[in-house]
Amino acid sequence: MQTSIPHPLFDVLDKIRSLENKAGRPEGSVKLIAVSKTYPVSVVQQVVNLGQTALGENKVQEMMSKAEEIPQAQWHLIGHLQTNKVKYIAPFVAMIHSVDSEKLLAVIQKEAQKNNRILPILLQIFISGESTKTGMTPDEAKEILMKAHEYPNILFKGLMGMAANTDNLNLIRTQFSNLRKLKEELQNSTYTNVDFTELSMGMSSDYAIAIEEGATMVRIGSAIFGARQYA
């Protein structure tokens, strides 16, 4: 992917590779999801043209609009997903990171079946302790996985979590470490439709810690695209 064209994308990719090496992990074991929410299509297209095709969006409507303009991208839904919006992304979404309820799973199963797809998903675990973030408890995740065979059109690929928005790096590390331990526990269990290989955690401010603690996917936006301009 590296070219002679200077772009913050390559700085991020270089840092990811360096962190993999430092942690004793194989090169390429961490996948970058470039979070394109709020950025215009023209800016996102530049990154895709440089080879970064895995993109993350928070909102269904924005994802749908950009997917029409950039069909070659692999779109990851990383924000809260309402059940009535699943039908719009089921035909094309590459992965849903933010599955936080059994009710949502049932709708994803229904829409995936309609579209004759096996949809990869991640269970979002509540690790931050902050009321602004969502997710299920470890016990709720375990209960769902025991019934994973009831969702033949869903492939349970792992866990996602968002750490607290804090300058306390030890707290962030503990939250990521706990999520990794849960993923390893579930990975070593036997369930149907479950292939727990992915751990989505870490954003622009904390992805270095996330990689050190075992992330296989990092969700990075502003470090690649620049500061967001919210309406």
Protein backbone atom coordinates (compact mmCIF):
# COMPACT_ATOMS: atom_id res chain seq x y z
CA MET A 1 0.00 0.00 0.00
CA GLN A 2 2.93 2.33 0.66
CA THR A 3 3.58 4.91 -2.07
CA SER A 4 5.69 8.02 -2.52
CA ILE A 5 2.56 10.16 -1.97
CA PRO A 6 2.69 11.68 1.54
CA HIS A 7 -0.48 11.06 3.50
CA PRO A 8 -1.26 10.61 7.22
CA LEU A 9 -2.66 7.19 6.32
CA PHE A 10 0.86 5.87 5.80
CA ASP A 11 2.06 7.30 9.11
CA VAL A 12 -0.74 5.41 10.87
CA LEU A 13 0.00 2.19 8.98
CA ASP A 14 3.71 2.48 9.78
CA LYS A 15 2.91 2.96 13.46
CA ILE A 16 0.58 -0.05 13.45
CA ARG A 17 3.32 -2.22 11.92
CA SER A 18 5.84 -0.90 14.46
CA LEU A 19 3.47 -1.66 17.35
CA GLU A 20 2.86 -5.17 15.99
CA ASN A 21 6.59 -5.79 15.89
CA LYS A 22 7.13 -4.36 19.37
CA ALA A 23 4.39 -6.61 20.75
CA GLY A 24 5.90 -9.66 19.05
CA ARG A 25 2.91 -10.06 16.78
CA PRO A 26 2.98 -11.04 13.08
CA GLU A 27 2.97 -8.22 10.55
CA GLY A 28 -0.56 -7.70 9.29
CA SER A 29 -2.21 -9.11 12.40
CA VAL A 30 -3.91 -5.76 13.07
CA LYS A 31 -6.43 -4.50 10.50
CA LEU A 32 -7.05 -0.79 10.11
CA ILE A 33 -10.65 0.37 9.86
CA ALA A 34 -10.48 3.98 8.63
CA VAL A 35 -13.40 5.76 10.29
CA SER A 36 -14.81 8.02 7.60
CA LYS A 37 -17.81 9.41 9.48
CA THR A 38 -18.51 13.12 8.81
CA TYR A 39 -15.77 13.35 6.16
CA PRO A 40 -16.83 14.19 2.58
CA VAL A 41 -16.72 11.56 -0.13
CA SER A 42 -13.91 13.39 -1.94
CA VAL A 43 -11.62 13.08 1.10
CA VAL A 44 -12.58 9.45 1.75
CA GLN A 45 -12.06 8.53 -1.91
CA GLN A 46 -8.44 9.73 -1.69
CA VAL A 47 -7.75 7.22 1.08
CA VAL A 48 -9.49 4.41 -0.83
CA ASN A 49 -7.40 5.26 -3.91
CA LEU A 50 -4.30 4.76 -1.74
CA GLY A 51 -5.44 1.22 -0.97
CA GLN A 52 -7.34 1.63 2.32
CA THR A 53 -10.66 0.00 1.47
CA ALA A 54 -11.89 -0.98 4.96
CA LEU A 55 -13.99 1.96 6.13
CA GLY A 56 -16.08 2.50 9.26
CA GLU A 57 -19.26 4.54 9.62
CA ASN A 58 -21.43 5.28 12.65
CA LYS A 59 -24.71 6.08 10.92
CA VAL A 60 -26.63 3.97 8.43
CA GLN A 61 -27.77 6.85 6.24
CA GLU A 62 -24.26 8.21 5.84
CA MET A 63 -22.90 4.75 5.12
CA MET A 64 -25.52 4.13 2.44
CA SER A 65 -24.81 7.45 0.76
CA LYS A 66 -21.05 6.90 0.69
CA ALA A 67 -21.38 3.26 -0.39
CA GLU A 68 -23.16 4.41 -3.54
CA GLU A 69 -20.25 6.73 -4.33
CA ILE A 70 -17.47 4.33 -3.25
CA PRO A 71 -18.75 0.81 -4.02
CA GLN A 72 -15.26 -0.73 -3.93
CA ALA A 73 -14.93 -0.10 -0.20
CA GLN A 74 -15.64 -2.65 2.54
CA TRP A 75 -18.07 -0.95 4.90
CA HIS A 76 -18.02 -1.60 8.64
CA LEU A 77 -20.90 -0.34 10.81
CA ILE A 78 -19.27 0.70 14.08
CA GLY A 79 -21.95 2.90 15.66
CA HIS A 80 -25.17 2.07 17.47
CA LEU A 81 -27.51 0.24 15.10
CA GLN A 82 -31.28 0.56 15.38
CA THR A 83 -33.28 -2.51 14.43
CA ASN A 84 -35.33 -0.63 11.84
CA LYS A 85 -32.13 0.34 9.96
CA VAL A 86 -30.67 -3.15 9.54
CA LYS A 87 -32.54 -3.81 6.29
CA TYR A 88 -30.77 -0.94 4.56
CA ILE A 89 -27.23 -2.21 5.13
CA ALA A 90 -27.78 -5.97 5.14
CA PRO A 91 -27.20 -6.28 1.37
CA PHE A 92 -23.67 -4.86 1.45
CA VAL A 93 -22.18 -4.29 4.92
CA ALA A 94 -18.89 -6.15 5.46
CA MET A 95 -19.19 -6.39 9.25
CA ILE A 96 -21.33 -5.00 12.06
CA HIS A 97 -19.13 -4.19 15.07
CA SER A 98 -21.81 -2.90 17.42
CA VAL A 99 -24.28 -5.71 18.14
CA ASP A 100 -25.46 -4.97 21.66
CA SER A 101 -28.70 -6.92 22.12
CA GLU A 102 -30.44 -10.16 21.33
CA LYS A 103 -33.27 -8.18 19.75
CA LEU A 104 -30.84 -6.68 17.24
CA LEU A 105 -29.38 -10.11 16.48
CA ALA A 106 -32.82 -11.45 15.58
CA VAL A 107 -33.34 -8.67 13.04
CA ILE A 108 -29.86 -9.12 11.56
CA GLN A 109 -30.59 -12.83 11.13
CA LYS A 110 -33.88 -12.05 9.37
CA GLU A 111 -32.35 -9.51 6.99
CA ALA A 112 -29.24 -11.59 6.29
CA GLN A 113 -31.44 -14.52 5.36
CA LYS A 114 -33.51 -12.32 3.05
CA ASN A 115 -30.32 -11.29 1.28
CA ASN A 116 -28.89 -14.83 1.21
CA ARG A 117 -25.85 -13.70 3.17
CA ILE A 118 -23.80 -14.85 6.14
CA LEU A 119 -23.16 -11.61 8.01
CA PRO A 120 -20.07 -11.30 10.22
CA ILE A 121 -20.75 -9.47 13.47
CA LEU A 122 -19.00 -8.49 16.69
CA LEU A 123 -20.66 -8.40 20.08
CA GLN A 124 -20.19 -4.99 21.68
CA ILE A 125 -19.19 -5.29 25.33
CA PHE A 126 -19.71 -2.42 27.77
CA ILE A 127 -16.27 -1.76 29.23
CA SER A 128 -16.04 2.01 29.74
CA GLY A 129 -18.43 2.53 32.65
CA GLU A 130 -19.69 5.65 30.85
CA SER A 131 -23.41 6.24 30.34
CA THR A 132 -22.78 7.65 26.87
CA LYS A 133 -21.61 4.27 25.60
CA THR A 134 -23.56 1.07 25.05
CA GLY A 135 -22.86 -2.65 25.06
CA MET A 136 -23.72 -5.91 26.75
CA THR A 137 -22.23 -7.55 29.81
CA PRO A 138 -19.90 -10.56 29.55
CA ASP A 139 -22.66 -12.78 30.95
CA GLU A 140 -25.12 -11.54 28.33
CA ALA A 141 -22.58 -12.28 25.60
CA LYS A 142 -22.09 -15.82 26.92
CA GLU A 143 -25.85 -16.43 26.98
CA ILE A 144 -26.14 -15.27 23.37
CA LEU A 145 -23.29 -17.48 22.18
CA MET A 146 -24.92 -20.51 23.75
CA LYS A 147 -27.80 -19.84 21.33
CA ALA A 148 -25.62 -18.93 18.34
CA HIS A 149 -26.91 -21.96 16.45
CA GLU A 150 -30.28 -20.20 16.26
CA TYR A 151 -28.73 -17.61 13.91
CA PRO A 152 -27.51 -19.58 10.87
CA ASN A 153 -27.01 -16.43 8.77
CA ILE A 154 -24.79 -14.75 11.36
CA LEU A 155 -21.10 -15.47 11.91
CA PHE A 156 -19.98 -14.41 15.37
CA LYS A 157 -16.45 -13.14 14.76
CA GLY A 158 -15.46 -11.63 18.10
CA LEU A 159 -15.87 -8.65 20.39
CA MET A 160 -15.84 -4.87 20.19
CA GLY A 161 -15.40 -2.35 22.98
CA MET A 162 -14.81 1.34 23.59
CA ALA A 163 -12.63 2.38 26.51
CA ALA A 164 -13.36 5.33 28.75
CA ASN A 165 -12.67 8.82 27.46
CA THR A 166 -9.96 9.63 29.98
CA ASP A 167 -6.31 10.59 30.36
CA ASN A 168 -5.87 7.67 32.76
CA LEU A 169 -3.87 5.33 30.54
CA ASN A 170 -3.77 2.61 33.18
CA LEU A 171 -7.57 2.53 33.25
CA ILE A 172 -7.73 2.31 29.46
CA ARG A 173 -5.18 -0.52 29.47
CA THR A 174 -7.13 -2.41 32.13
CA GLN A 175 -10.37 -2.10 30.17
CA PHE A 176 -8.73 -3.33 26.96
CA SER A 177 -6.96 -6.14 28.83
CA ASN A 178 -10.22 -7.31 30.37
CA LEU A 179 -11.88 -7.36 26.95
CA ARG A 180 -9.02 -9.40 25.50
CA LYS A 181 -9.30 -11.91 28.33
CA LEU A 182 -13.03 -12.27 27.68
CA LYS A 183 -12.40 -12.79 23.99
CA GLU A 184 -9.81 -15.49 24.76
CA GLU A 185 -12.20 -17.20 27.17
CA LEU A 186 -14.98 -17.27 24.57
CA GLN A 187 -12.56 -18.24 21.81
CA ASN A 188 -11.62 -21.36 23.75
CA SER A 189 -15.26 -22.40 24.18
CA THR A 190 -17.21 -24.50 21.70
CA TYR A 191 -20.15 -22.83 20.00
CA THR A 192 -21.87 -23.15 16.62
CA ASN A 193 -21.45 -20.25 14.12
CA VAL A 194 -18.71 -18.80 16.30
CA ASP A 195 -15.22 -18.00 14.96
CA PHE A 196 -13.85 -15.68 17.62
CA THR A 197 -10.77 -14.31 15.88
CA GLU A 198 -11.46 -10.56 15.99
CA LEU A 199 -11.06 -7.99 18.75
CA SER A 200 -12.09 -4.49 17.65
CA MET A 201 -10.80 -1.87 20.07
CA GLY A 202 -8.77 1.30 19.96
CA MET A 203 -9.31 4.66 18.27
CA SER A 204 -7.04 7.55 17.28
CA SER A 205 -6.29 8.45 20.91
CA ASP A 206 -5.67 4.97 22.32
CA TYR A 207 -4.97 2.50 19.51
CA ALA A 208 -1.35 2.00 20.59
CA ILE A 209 -2.52 0.61 23.93
CA ALA A 210 -5.20 -1.43 22.17
CA ILE A 211 -2.63 -3.10 19.92
CA GLU A 212 -0.37 -3.83 22.88
CA GLU A 213 -3.37 -5.47 24.57
CA GLY A 214 -4.32 -7.66 21.61
CA ALA A 215 -6.57 -5.70 19.23
CA THR A 216 -6.95 -7.24 15.78
CA MET A 217 -8.91 -4.26 14.45
CA VAL A 218 -8.38 -0.58 15.28
CA ARG A 219 -10.90 2.12 14.34
CA ILE A 220 -9.03 5.28 13.41
CA GLY A 221 -10.48 8.45 11.90
CA SER A 222 -9.01 11.82 12.85
CA ALA A 223 -5.39 10.61 12.78
CA ILE A 224 -5.95 9.78 9.08
CA PHE A 225 -8.47 12.33 7.87
CA GLY A 226 -7.80 15.26 10.22
CA ALA A 227 -9.97 17.02 12.77
CA ARG A 228 -13.70 16.53 12.27
CA GLN A 229 -15.98 19.48 11.54
CA TYR A 230 -19.29 18.73 13.20
CA ALA A 231 -22.39 20.59 12.09
